[in-house]
Amino acid sequence: MFPSWSFANISFFQPPAFLMIGIPGLEAIHDWISIPFSSMYTAALTGNCLILLAVRRTPSLHQPMYYFLSMLALTDMGLTVATMPTTLAVLWFDRRLIGFNACLVQMFFLHFFSVVESSVLLAMSFDRFVAISNPLRYASVLTNNVIIRIGLAIVARATVSLFPLPFLLKRLNFCPGKILLSHSFCFHADVMKRACADITVNIIYGLYVVLSTVGFDSLLIALSYTLILHTVMSLASPRERSRALNTCVSHILAVLVFFIPVIGVSMIHRFGRHLPPIVQALVAYVYLVVPPVLNPIIYSVKSKPIREAMLRVLREKRKG
């Protein structure tokens, strides 16, 4: 139910809160819909936590590839935690209000972890390139200090890129009658459309952030795999080629699982205004919920060392 706020003769207005929505048109069965969502959130947190424990407790996994995988797992947990409270509050309890400042905080962390995930996937592609093109220097190139610096650079890049977004929104004059969001969480593209002011600066800066982070990363990942493919094709033995490419399969799947929904969300928010609201909502949920669920599955299935280490952690938990 909409809150009964009354604001008259206000020259500058920011709503005390926004009204979130679950899945448009399916409000009557939100209780049932909450079951698969709760299961996916649980699977995402459990799977990524298992990866972190497996890498930490297995000395043989203390290698650059698995350190980057730990970064990916930690990022997926952050992305899950960023949206889980409001999504489950809407689906379970029909608590749809989110304070204006709380919305901006959630929006920042949601986009922050998305940019971090994109950057981690780029770092993982560099890791695969070094491992395949120059295996003898792999350990000397990707030392622990280098990996720490890469991690810090990833966090710094995401923070600097996204820090202006909340302040660009706070300067806007909003419409008292436009407080209904399109999702059960706060997207920058969604929140800025609730303003009754010129949002050109927000649109341009938002586009700049997307192109300079996710867009730039996707191009470099494509370049990395072009170079990897060139290196693999120069190998004499078909068996060596197959072995080299198999080490990249998990990462390629993780890249596809992340970037395809990201492109879908970006296209819909810019060009899909006439699409049914349920389509926009489902694409956004796929973008935010599916990668954290699938990444642990992909790596546990395709990587034998990770699978064995995760099973070892589970057995230790049962014994304990």
C-alpha atoms as a PDB file:
ATOM      1  CA  MET A   1       0.000   0.000   0.000  1.00  0.00           C
ATOM      2  CA  PHE A   2       1.320   3.449  -0.881  1.00  0.00           C
ATOM      3  CA  PRO A   3       2.259   5.759   2.026  1.00  0.00           C
ATOM      4  CA  SER A   4       0.067   8.811   2.359  1.00  0.00           C
ATOM      5  CA  TRP A   5       2.661  11.573   2.256  1.00  0.00           C
ATOM      6  CA  SER A   6       1.534  15.083   1.452  1.00  0.00           C
ATOM      7  CA  PHE A   7       3.992  17.672   0.175  1.00  0.00           C
ATOM      8  CA  ALA A   8       2.771  21.006  -1.079  1.00  0.00           C
ATOM      9  CA  ASN A   9       4.659  24.037  -2.340  1.00  0.00           C
ATOM     10  CA  ILE A  10       8.051  22.355  -2.082  1.00  0.00           C
ATOM     11  CA  SER A  11      10.634  23.642  -4.563  1.00  0.00           C
ATOM     12  CA  PHE A  12      13.142  20.865  -3.831  1.00  0.00           C
ATOM     13  CA  PHE A  13      11.928  17.419  -2.837  1.00  0.00           C
ATOM     14  CA  GLN A  14      13.610  14.152  -1.933  1.00  0.00           C
ATOM     15  CA  PRO A  15      11.303  11.317  -0.867  1.00  0.00           C
ATOM     16  CA  PRO A  16      11.746   9.968   2.671  1.00  0.00           C
ATOM     17  CA  ALA A  17      11.555   6.499   1.115  1.00  0.00           C
ATOM     18  CA  PHE A  18      11.002   4.612  -2.122  1.00  0.00           C
ATOM     19  CA  LEU A  19       8.493   1.829  -2.650  1.00  0.00           C
ATOM     20  CA  MET A  20      10.003  -1.384  -3.980  1.00  0.00           C
ATOM     21  CA  ILE A  21       8.252  -4.057  -5.982  1.00  0.00           C
ATOM     22  CA  GLY A  22       8.802  -7.811  -6.196  1.00  0.00           C
ATOM     23  CA  ILE A  23       7.827  -9.469  -9.464  1.00  0.00           C
ATOM     24  CA  PRO A  24       5.157  -7.361 -11.204  1.00  0.00           C
ATOM     25  CA  GLY A  25       1.894  -9.184 -11.803  1.00  0.00           C
ATOM     26  CA  LEU A  26       2.807 -12.064  -9.482  1.00  0.00           C
ATOM     27  CA  GLU A  27       2.274 -10.349  -6.128  1.00  0.00           C
ATOM     28  CA  ALA A  28      -0.364 -12.910  -5.135  1.00  0.00           C
ATOM     29  CA  ILE A  29       2.172 -15.737  -5.178  1.00  0.00           C
ATOM     30  CA  HIS A  30       5.150 -13.938  -3.644  1.00  0.00           C
ATOM     31  CA  ASP A  31       5.088 -16.446  -0.771  1.00  0.00           C
ATOM     32  CA  TRP A  32       5.707 -19.285  -3.210  1.00  0.00           C
ATOM     33  CA  ILE A  33       8.230 -17.306  -5.256  1.00  0.00           C
ATOM     34  CA  SER A  34      10.218 -16.643  -2.089  1.00  0.00           C
ATOM     35  CA  ILE A  35      11.046 -20.387  -1.831  1.00  0.00           C
ATOM     36  CA  PRO A  36      13.292 -20.593  -4.935  1.00  0.00           C
ATOM     37  CA  PHE A  37      14.778 -17.179  -4.130  1.00  0.00           C
ATOM     38  CA  SER A  38      15.629 -18.259  -0.578  1.00  0.00           C
ATOM     39  CA  SER A  39      17.120 -21.476  -1.945  1.00  0.00           C
ATOM     40  CA  MET A  40      19.269 -19.600  -4.458  1.00  0.00           C
ATOM     41  CA  TYR A  41      20.517 -17.108  -1.875  1.00  0.00           C
ATOM     42  CA  THR A  42      21.374 -19.989   0.490  1.00  0.00           C
ATOM     43  CA  ALA A  43      23.128 -21.880  -2.313  1.00  0.00           C
ATOM     44  CA  ALA A  44      25.112 -18.775  -3.320  1.00  0.00           C
ATOM     45  CA  LEU A  45      26.326 -18.038   0.208  1.00  0.00           C
ATOM     46  CA  THR A  46      27.041 -21.704   1.015  1.00  0.00           C
ATOM     47  CA  GLY A  47      28.830 -22.464  -2.257  1.00  0.00           C
ATOM     48  CA  ASN A  48      31.040 -19.379  -2.193  1.00  0.00           C
ATOM     49  CA  CYS A  49      31.816 -19.826   1.497  1.00  0.00           C
ATOM     50  CA  LEU A  50      32.884 -23.415   0.753  1.00  0.00           C
ATOM     51  CA  ILE A  51      35.257 -22.190  -1.960  1.00  0.00           C
ATOM     52  CA  LEU A  52      36.851 -19.689   0.440  1.00  0.00           C
ATOM     53  CA  LEU A  53      37.288 -22.366   3.135  1.00  0.00           C
ATOM     54  CA  ALA A  54      38.588 -24.907   0.615  1.00  0.00           C
ATOM     55  CA  VAL A  55      41.273 -22.549  -0.690  1.00  0.00           C
ATOM     56  CA  ARG A  56      42.253 -21.389   2.779  1.00  0.00           C
ATOM     57  CA  ARG A  57      42.578 -24.895   4.257  1.00  0.00           C
ATOM     58  CA  THR A  58      44.303 -26.573   1.291  1.00  0.00           C
ATOM     59  CA  PRO A  59      47.989 -25.625   0.909  1.00  0.00           C
ATOM     60  CA  SER A  60      48.126 -27.024  -2.638  1.00  0.00           C
ATOM     61  CA  LEU A  61      45.516 -24.417  -3.667  1.00  0.00           C
ATOM     62  CA  HIS A  62      47.653 -21.499  -2.502  1.00  0.00           C
ATOM     63  CA  GLN A  63      48.300 -20.490  -6.107  1.00  0.00           C
ATOM     64  CA  PRO A  64      47.397 -17.362  -8.114  1.00  0.00           C
ATOM     65  CA  MET A  65      44.516 -19.031  -9.964  1.00  0.00           C
ATOM     66  CA  TYR A  66      42.797 -20.012  -6.723  1.00  0.00           C
ATOM     67  CA  TYR A  67      43.514 -16.687  -5.029  1.00  0.00           C
ATOM     68  CA  PHE A  68      41.629 -14.997  -7.871  1.00  0.00           C
ATOM     69  CA  LEU A  69      38.855 -17.571  -7.494  1.00  0.00           C
ATOM     70  CA  SER A  70      38.647 -16.620  -3.802  1.00  0.00           C
ATOM     71  CA  MET A  71      38.275 -12.972  -4.830  1.00  0.00           C
ATOM     72  CA  LEU A  72      35.439 -13.988  -7.154  1.00  0.00           C
ATOM     73  CA  ALA A  73      33.731 -15.976  -4.379  1.00  0.00           C
ATOM     74  CA  LEU A  74      34.060 -13.081  -1.925  1.00  0.00           C
ATOM     75  CA  THR A  75      32.619 -10.676  -4.525  1.00  0.00           C
ATOM     76  CA  ASP A  76      29.688 -13.003  -5.221  1.00  0.00           C
ATOM     77  CA  MET A  77      28.938 -13.150  -1.501  1.00  0.00           C
ATOM     78  CA  GLY A  78      28.976  -9.347  -1.360  1.00  0.00           C
ATOM     79  CA  LEU A  79      26.648  -9.093  -4.358  1.00  0.00           C
ATOM     80  CA  THR A  80      24.273 -11.590  -2.737  1.00  0.00           C
ATOM     81  CA  VAL A  81      24.236  -9.816   0.629  1.00  0.00           C
ATOM     82  CA  ALA A  82      23.659  -6.448  -1.087  1.00  0.00           C
ATOM     83  CA  THR A  83      20.264  -7.487  -2.498  1.00  0.00           C
ATOM     84  CA  MET A  84      19.108 -10.347  -0.272  1.00  0.00           C
ATOM     85  CA  PRO A  85      17.634  -8.357   2.678  1.00  0.00           C
ATOM     86  CA  THR A  86      15.307  -6.142   0.628  1.00  0.00           C
ATOM     87  CA  THR A  87      14.326  -8.870  -1.844  1.00  0.00           C
ATOM     88  CA  LEU A  88      13.346 -11.330   0.884  1.00  0.00           C
ATOM     89  CA  ALA A  89      11.652  -8.559   2.903  1.00  0.00           C
ATOM     90  CA  VAL A  90       9.417  -7.830  -0.097  1.00  0.00           C
ATOM     91  CA  LEU A  91       8.696 -11.481  -0.893  1.00  0.00           C
ATOM     92  CA  TRP A  92       8.281 -12.725   2.681  1.00  0.00           C
ATOM     93  CA  PHE A  93       6.735  -9.827   4.579  1.00  0.00           C
ATOM     94  CA  ASP A  94       5.607  -7.396   1.852  1.00  0.00           C
ATOM     95  CA  ARG A  95       7.880  -4.753   3.433  1.00  0.00           C
ATOM     96  CA  ARG A  96       8.355  -2.576   0.412  1.00  0.00           C
ATOM     97  CA  LEU A  97       9.635   0.720   1.799  1.00  0.00           C
ATOM     98  CA  ILE A  98      13.326   1.576   1.697  1.00  0.00           C
ATOM     99  CA  GLY A  99      14.647   4.879   3.031  1.00  0.00           C
ATOM    100  CA  PHE A 100      16.141   7.324   0.531  1.00  0.00           C
ATOM    101  CA  ASN A 101      19.661   7.194   2.001  1.00  0.00           C
ATOM    102  CA  ALA A 102      19.454   3.435   2.549  1.00  0.00           C
ATOM    103  CA  CYS A 103      18.523   3.091  -1.117  1.00  0.00           C
ATOM    104  CA  LEU A 104      21.606   5.068  -2.159  1.00  0.00           C
ATOM    105  CA  VAL A 105      23.842   2.918   0.063  1.00  0.00           C
ATOM    106  CA  GLN A 106      22.406  -0.294  -1.386  1.00  0.00           C
ATOM    107  CA  MET A 107      22.755   1.102  -4.913  1.00  0.00           C
ATOM    108  CA  PHE A 108      26.425   1.927  -4.319  1.00  0.00           C
ATOM    109  CA  PHE A 109      27.317  -1.535  -3.008  1.00  0.00           C
ATOM    110  CA  LEU A 110      25.260  -3.311  -5.661  1.00  0.00           C
ATOM    111  CA  HIS A 111      27.139  -1.547  -8.462  1.00  0.00           C
ATOM    112  CA  PHE A 112      30.415  -1.701  -6.520  1.00  0.00           C
ATOM    113  CA  PHE A 113      30.398  -5.486  -6.350  1.00  0.00           C
ATOM    114  CA  SER A 114      29.333  -5.691 -10.002  1.00  0.00           C
ATOM    115  CA  VAL A 115      32.343  -3.609 -11.076  1.00  0.00           C
ATOM    116  CA  VAL A 116      34.619  -5.614  -8.771  1.00  0.00           C
ATOM    117  CA  GLU A 117      33.350  -8.884 -10.283  1.00  0.00           C
ATOM    118  CA  SER A 118      34.028  -7.602 -13.780  1.00  0.00           C
ATOM    119  CA  SER A 119      37.563  -6.608 -12.731  1.00  0.00           C
ATOM    120  CA  VAL A 120      38.224  -9.949 -11.030  1.00  0.00           C
ATOM    121  CA  LEU A 121      37.152 -11.816 -14.175  1.00  0.00           C
ATOM    122  CA  LEU A 122      39.604  -9.649 -16.139  1.00  0.00           C
ATOM    123  CA  ALA A 123      42.385 -10.475 -13.652  1.00  0.00           C
ATOM    124  CA  MET A 124      41.530 -14.167 -14.005  1.00  0.00           C
ATOM    125  CA  SER A 125      41.839 -13.915 -17.796  1.00  0.00           C
ATOM    126  CA  PHE A 126      45.298 -12.361 -17.341  1.00  0.00           C
ATOM    127  CA  ASP A 127      46.162 -15.237 -15.000  1.00  0.00           C
ATOM    128  CA  ARG A 128      45.162 -17.781 -17.684  1.00  0.00           C
ATOM    129  CA  PHE A 129      47.113 -15.881 -20.341  1.00  0.00           C
ATOM    130  CA  VAL A 130      50.321 -15.909 -18.281  1.00  0.00           C
ATOM    131  CA  ALA A 131      49.857 -19.568 -17.289  1.00  0.00           C
ATOM    132  CA  ILE A 132      49.452 -20.698 -20.907  1.00  0.00           C
ATOM    133  CA  SER A 133      51.766 -18.338 -22.794  1.00  0.00           C
ATOM    134  CA  ASN A 134      54.641 -18.346 -20.309  1.00  0.00           C
ATOM    135  CA  PRO A 135      54.209 -21.208 -17.814  1.00  0.00           C
ATOM    136  CA  LEU A 136      57.848 -21.175 -16.675  1.00  0.00           C
ATOM    137  CA  ARG A 137      57.542 -17.580 -15.440  1.00  0.00           C
ATOM    138  CA  TYR A 138      53.994 -17.965 -14.074  1.00  0.00           C
ATOM    139  CA  ALA A 139      54.988 -18.096 -10.398  1.00  0.00           C
ATOM    140  CA  SER A 140      57.532 -15.290 -10.739  1.00  0.00           C
ATOM    141  CA  VAL A 141      55.085 -12.962 -12.559  1.00  0.00           C
ATOM    142  CA  LEU A 142      52.053 -13.504 -10.326  1.00  0.00           C
ATOM    143  CA  THR A 143      53.675 -13.350  -6.898  1.00  0.00           C
ATOM    144  CA  ASN A 144      51.660 -12.829  -3.710  1.00  0.00           C
ATOM    145  CA  ASN A 145      52.606  -9.127  -3.665  1.00  0.00           C
ATOM    146  CA  VAL A 146      51.425  -8.678  -7.251  1.00  0.00           C
ATOM    147  CA  ILE A 147      48.118 -10.406  -6.476  1.00  0.00           C
ATOM    148  CA  ILE A 148      47.585  -8.184  -3.411  1.00  0.00           C
ATOM    149  CA  ARG A 149      48.262  -5.086  -5.526  1.00  0.00           C
ATOM    150  CA  ILE A 150      45.827  -6.282  -8.183  1.00  0.00           C
ATOM    151  CA  GLY A 151      43.170  -6.816  -5.489  1.00  0.00           C
ATOM    152  CA  LEU A 152      43.725  -3.342  -4.029  1.00  0.00           C
ATOM    153  CA  ALA A 153      43.639  -1.788  -7.506  1.00  0.00           C
ATOM    154  CA  ILE A 154      40.318  -3.541  -8.217  1.00  0.00           C
ATOM    155  CA  VAL A 155      38.752  -2.169  -5.022  1.00  0.00           C
ATOM    156  CA  ALA A 156      40.169   1.325  -5.616  1.00  0.00           C
ATOM    157  CA  ARG A 157      38.923   1.381  -9.208  1.00  0.00           C
ATOM    158  CA  ALA A 158      35.379   0.402  -8.215  1.00  0.00           C
ATOM    159  CA  THR A 159      35.307   2.914  -5.337  1.00  0.00           C
ATOM    160  CA  VAL A 160      36.582   5.843  -7.405  1.00  0.00           C
ATOM    161  CA  SER A 161      34.271   5.043 -10.332  1.00  0.00           C
ATOM    162  CA  LEU A 162      31.108   4.733  -8.235  1.00  0.00           C
ATOM    163  CA  PHE A 163      31.690   7.212  -5.413  1.00  0.00           C
ATOM    164  CA  PRO A 164      30.066  10.146  -7.301  1.00  0.00           C
ATOM    165  CA  LEU A 165      26.823   8.254  -8.080  1.00  0.00           C
ATOM    166  CA  PRO A 166      24.996   8.797  -4.737  1.00  0.00           C
ATOM    167  CA  PHE A 167      25.915  12.492  -4.734  1.00  0.00           C
ATOM    168  CA  LEU A 168      24.728  12.951  -8.321  1.00  0.00           C
ATOM    169  CA  LEU A 169      21.368  11.533  -7.219  1.00  0.00           C
ATOM    170  CA  LYS A 170      21.154  13.608  -4.020  1.00  0.00           C
ATOM    171  CA  ARG A 171      21.366  16.842  -6.017  1.00  0.00           C
ATOM    172  CA  LEU A 172      18.223  15.936  -8.017  1.00  0.00           C
ATOM    173  CA  ASN A 173      14.706  17.182  -7.358  1.00  0.00           C
ATOM    174  CA  PHE A 174      12.359  14.177  -7.186  1.00  0.00           C
ATOM    175  CA  CYS A 175       8.658  13.934  -7.941  1.00  0.00           C
ATOM    176  CA  PRO A 176       6.446  13.265  -4.887  1.00  0.00           C
ATOM    177  CA  GLY A 177       4.239  10.957  -6.972  1.00  0.00           C
ATOM    178  CA  LYS A 178       7.096   8.904  -8.440  1.00  0.00           C
ATOM    179  CA  ILE A 179       8.401   6.754  -5.604  1.00  0.00           C
ATOM    180  CA  LEU A 180       7.682   3.291  -7.042  1.00  0.00           C
ATOM    181  CA  LEU A 181      10.845   1.460  -8.113  1.00  0.00           C
ATOM    182  CA  SER A 182      10.950  -1.313 -10.724  1.00  0.00           C
ATOM    183  CA  HIS A 183      12.739  -3.855  -8.513  1.00  0.00           C
ATOM    184  CA  SER A 184      13.143  -5.031  -4.927  1.00  0.00           C
ATOM    185  CA  PHE A 185      16.504  -3.228  -4.801  1.00  0.00           C
ATOM    186  CA  CYS A 186      17.965   0.071  -5.957  1.00  0.00           C
ATOM    187  CA  PHE A 187      19.540   0.433  -9.414  1.00  0.00           C
ATOM    188  CA  HIS A 188      21.080   3.749 -10.418  1.00  0.00           C
ATOM    189  CA  ALA A 189      19.246   3.749 -13.776  1.00  0.00           C
ATOM    190  CA  ASP A 190      15.960   3.023 -11.995  1.00  0.00           C
ATOM    191  CA  VAL A 191      16.312   5.594  -9.192  1.00  0.00           C
ATOM    192  CA  MET A 192      17.363   8.485 -11.430  1.00  0.00           C
ATOM    193  CA  LYS A 193      14.215   8.076 -13.566  1.00  0.00           C
ATOM    194  CA  ARG A 194      12.127   8.997 -10.494  1.00  0.00           C
ATOM    195  CA  ALA A 195      13.525  12.539 -10.617  1.00  0.00           C
ATOM    196  CA  CYS A 196      11.632  15.554 -11.974  1.00  0.00           C
ATOM    197  CA  ALA A 197      14.854  17.265 -12.990  1.00  0.00           C
ATOM    198  CA  ASP A 198      17.311  17.120 -15.854  1.00  0.00           C
ATOM    199  CA  ILE A 199      19.179  13.801 -15.494  1.00  0.00           C
ATOM    200  CA  THR A 200      21.540  14.267 -18.459  1.00  0.00           C
ATOM    201  CA  VAL A 201      24.608  14.331 -16.189  1.00  0.00           C
ATOM    202  CA  ASN A 202      23.477  11.124 -14.471  1.00  0.00           C
ATOM    203  CA  ILE A 203      22.885   9.381 -17.806  1.00  0.00           C
ATOM    204  CA  ILE A 204      26.273  10.429 -19.212  1.00  0.00           C
ATOM    205  CA  TYR A 205      28.189   9.511 -16.065  1.00  0.00           C
ATOM    206  CA  GLY A 206      26.329   6.199 -15.725  1.00  0.00           C
ATOM    207  CA  LEU A 207      27.165   5.344 -19.329  1.00  0.00           C
ATOM    208  CA  TYR A 208      30.791   6.349 -18.734  1.00  0.00           C
ATOM    209  CA  VAL A 209      31.039   4.030 -15.714  1.00  0.00           C
ATOM    210  CA  VAL A 210      29.566   1.094 -17.660  1.00  0.00           C
ATOM    211  CA  LEU A 211      31.849   1.615 -20.669  1.00  0.00           C
ATOM    212  CA  SER A 212      34.999   2.307 -18.638  1.00  0.00           C
ATOM    213  CA  THR A 213      34.556  -0.713 -16.369  1.00  0.00           C
ATOM    214  CA  VAL A 214      32.416  -3.560 -17.687  1.00  0.00           C
ATOM    215  CA  GLY A 215      32.766  -2.516 -21.337  1.00  0.00           C
ATOM    216  CA  PHE A 216      36.536  -2.026 -21.129  1.00  0.00           C
ATOM    217  CA  ASP A 217      36.986  -5.262 -19.159  1.00  0.00           C
ATOM    218  CA  SER A 218      35.008  -7.308 -21.682  1.00  0.00           C
ATOM    219  CA  LEU A 219      37.219  -6.036 -24.520  1.00  0.00           C
ATOM    220  CA  LEU A 220      40.414  -6.896 -22.624  1.00  0.00           C
ATOM    221  CA  ILE A 221      39.046 -10.348 -21.757  1.00  0.00           C
ATOM    222  CA  ALA A 222      38.280 -10.927 -25.446  1.00  0.00           C
ATOM    223  CA  LEU A 223      41.823  -9.769 -26.305  1.00  0.00           C
ATOM    224  CA  SER A 224      43.289 -12.102 -23.670  1.00  0.00           C
ATOM    225  CA  TYR A 225      41.493 -15.096 -25.142  1.00  0.00           C
ATOM    226  CA  THR A 226      42.526 -14.109 -28.663  1.00  0.00           C
ATOM    227  CA  LEU A 227      46.153 -14.219 -27.511  1.00  0.00           C
ATOM    228  CA  ILE A 228      45.532 -17.440 -25.569  1.00  0.00           C
ATOM    229  CA  LEU A 229      44.005 -19.066 -28.647  1.00  0.00           C
ATOM    230  CA  HIS A 230      46.963 -17.944 -30.759  1.00  0.00           C
ATOM    231  CA  THR A 231      49.353 -19.493 -28.215  1.00  0.00           C
ATOM    232  CA  VAL A 232      47.363 -22.727 -27.988  1.00  0.00           C
ATOM    233  CA  MET A 233      47.233 -23.119 -31.779  1.00  0.00           C
ATOM    234  CA  SER A 234      51.031 -22.884 -31.902  1.00  0.00           C
ATOM    235  CA  LEU A 235      51.378 -25.957 -29.665  1.00  0.00           C
ATOM    236  CA  ALA A 236      52.476 -29.023 -31.607  1.00  0.00           C
ATOM    237  CA  SER A 237      50.552 -31.688 -29.707  1.00  0.00           C
ATOM    238  CA  PRO A 238      46.716 -31.850 -29.909  1.00  0.00           C
ATOM    239  CA  ARG A 239      46.767 -33.247 -26.384  1.00  0.00           C
ATOM    240  CA  GLU A 240      48.632 -30.191 -25.113  1.00  0.00           C
ATOM    241  CA  ARG A 241      46.152 -27.927 -26.895  1.00  0.00           C
ATOM    242  CA  SER A 242      43.226 -29.712 -25.286  1.00  0.00           C
ATOM    243  CA  ARG A 243      44.829 -29.591 -21.839  1.00  0.00           C
ATOM    244  CA  ALA A 244      45.576 -25.863 -22.158  1.00  0.00           C
ATOM    245  CA  LEU A 245      42.039 -25.006 -23.288  1.00  0.00           C
ATOM    246  CA  ASN A 246      40.485 -27.137 -20.533  1.00  0.00           C
ATOM    247  CA  THR A 247      42.126 -24.915 -17.917  1.00  0.00           C
ATOM    248  CA  CYS A 248      40.123 -21.981 -19.348  1.00  0.00           C
ATOM    249  CA  VAL A 249      36.667 -23.591 -19.553  1.00  0.00           C
ATOM    250  CA  SER A 250      35.571 -22.659 -16.021  1.00  0.00           C
ATOM    251  CA  HIS A 251      36.620 -19.043 -16.484  1.00  0.00           C
ATOM    252  CA  ILE A 252      34.936 -18.761 -19.893  1.00  0.00           C
ATOM    253  CA  LEU A 253      31.666 -20.049 -18.403  1.00  0.00           C
ATOM    254  CA  ALA A 254      31.955 -17.603 -15.479  1.00  0.00           C
ATOM    255  CA  VAL A 255      32.530 -14.741 -17.945  1.00  0.00           C
ATOM    256  CA  LEU A 256      29.452 -15.701 -19.982  1.00  0.00           C
ATOM    257  CA  VAL A 257      27.297 -16.135 -16.854  1.00  0.00           C
ATOM    258  CA  PHE A 258      28.204 -12.611 -15.711  1.00  0.00           C
ATOM    259  CA  PHE A 259      28.475 -10.538 -18.888  1.00  0.00           C
ATOM    260  CA  ILE A 260      25.414 -11.807 -20.784  1.00  0.00           C
ATOM    261  CA  PRO A 261      22.947 -10.697 -18.027  1.00  0.00           C
ATOM    262  CA  VAL A 262      24.906  -7.425 -17.546  1.00  0.00           C
ATOM    263  CA  ILE A 263      24.477  -6.602 -21.229  1.00  0.00           C
ATOM    264  CA  GLY A 264      20.799  -7.567 -20.992  1.00  0.00           C
ATOM    265  CA  VAL A 265      20.162  -5.279 -18.011  1.00  0.00           C
ATOM    266  CA  SER A 266      22.014  -2.356 -19.626  1.00  0.00           C
ATOM    267  CA  MET A 267      20.102  -2.725 -22.893  1.00  0.00           C
ATOM    268  CA  ILE A 268      16.717  -3.024 -21.162  1.00  0.00           C
ATOM    269  CA  HIS A 269      17.221   0.067 -18.975  1.00  0.00           C
ATOM    270  CA  ARG A 270      18.221   2.147 -22.001  1.00  0.00           C
ATOM    271  CA  PHE A 271      16.116   0.739 -24.838  1.00  0.00           C
ATOM    272  CA  GLY A 272      13.544  -1.618 -23.316  1.00  0.00           C
ATOM    273  CA  ARG A 273      11.002   0.843 -21.928  1.00  0.00           C
ATOM    274  CA  HIS A 274       8.172  -0.826 -23.813  1.00  0.00           C
ATOM    275  CA  LEU A 275       8.956  -4.330 -22.538  1.00  0.00           C
ATOM    276  CA  PRO A 276       6.571  -5.801 -19.918  1.00  0.00           C
ATOM    277  CA  PRO A 277       7.690  -4.969 -16.338  1.00  0.00           C
ATOM    278  CA  ILE A 278       7.975  -8.682 -15.511  1.00  0.00           C
ATOM    279  CA  VAL A 279      10.648  -9.098 -18.231  1.00  0.00           C
ATOM    280  CA  GLN A 280      12.692  -6.207 -16.814  1.00  0.00           C
ATOM    281  CA  ALA A 281      12.410  -7.645 -13.303  1.00  0.00           C
ATOM    282  CA  LEU A 282      13.384 -11.187 -14.305  1.00  0.00           C
ATOM    283  CA  VAL A 283      16.450 -10.042 -16.296  1.00  0.00           C
ATOM    284  CA  ALA A 284      17.617  -7.998 -13.285  1.00  0.00           C
ATOM    285  CA  TYR A 285      17.188 -10.997 -10.962  1.00  0.00           C
ATOM    286  CA  VAL A 286      19.125 -13.212 -13.385  1.00  0.00           C
ATOM    287  CA  TYR A 287      21.937 -10.641 -13.429  1.00  0.00           C
ATOM    288  CA  LEU A 288      22.182 -10.386  -9.625  1.00  0.00           C
ATOM    289  CA  VAL A 289      21.206 -13.836  -8.342  1.00  0.00           C
ATOM    290  CA  VAL A 290      22.294 -16.394 -10.951  1.00  0.00           C
ATOM    291  CA  PRO A 291      26.105 -15.734 -11.235  1.00  0.00           C
ATOM    292  CA  PRO A 292      26.746 -16.122  -7.460  1.00  0.00           C
ATOM    293  CA  VAL A 293      24.801 -19.414  -7.562  1.00  0.00           C
ATOM    294  CA  LEU A 294      26.407 -20.836 -10.708  1.00  0.00           C
ATOM    295  CA  ASN A 295      30.051 -19.858 -10.193  1.00  0.00           C
ATOM    296  CA  PRO A 296      30.691 -22.315  -7.306  1.00  0.00           C
ATOM    297  CA  ILE A 297      28.902 -25.041  -9.290  1.00  0.00           C
ATOM    298  CA  ILE A 298      30.960 -24.327 -12.424  1.00  0.00           C
ATOM    299  CA  TYR A 299      34.283 -24.433 -10.582  1.00  0.00           C
ATOM    300  CA  SER A 300      33.404 -27.461  -8.443  1.00  0.00           C
ATOM    301  CA  VAL A 301      32.354 -29.434 -11.538  1.00  0.00           C
ATOM    302  CA  LYS A 302      35.166 -28.373 -13.895  1.00  0.00           C
ATOM    303  CA  SER A 303      38.037 -28.149 -11.390  1.00  0.00           C
ATOM    304  CA  LYS A 304      38.975 -31.412  -9.683  1.00  0.00           C
ATOM    305  CA  PRO A 305      41.256 -29.796  -7.040  1.00  0.00           C
ATOM    306  CA  ILE A 306      38.467 -27.399  -5.991  1.00  0.00           C
ATOM    307  CA  ARG A 307      35.869 -30.163  -5.944  1.00  0.00           C
ATOM    308  CA  GLU A 308      38.038 -32.415  -3.770  1.00  0.00           C
ATOM    309  CA  ALA A 309      38.912 -29.569  -1.404  1.00  0.00           C
ATOM    310  CA  MET A 310      35.244 -28.573  -1.025  1.00  0.00           C
ATOM    311  CA  LEU A 311      34.259 -32.185  -0.301  1.00  0.00           C
ATOM    312  CA  ARG A 312      37.061 -32.364   2.269  1.00  0.00           C
ATOM    313  CA  VAL A 313      35.711 -29.258   4.017  1.00  0.00           C
ATOM    314  CA  LEU A 314      32.209 -30.771   4.104  1.00  0.00           C
ATOM    315  CA  ARG A 315      33.518 -34.037   5.573  1.00  0.00           C
ATOM    316  CA  GLU A 316      35.419 -32.120   8.262  1.00  0.00           C
ATOM    317  CA  LYS A 317      32.258 -30.185   9.125  1.00  0.00           C
ATOM    318  CA  ARG A 318      30.279 -33.419   9.512  1.00  0.00           C
ATOM    319  CA  LYS A 319      32.951 -34.957  11.732  1.00  0.00           C
ATOM    320  CA  GLY A 320      33.111 -31.779  13.807  1.00  0.00           C
END
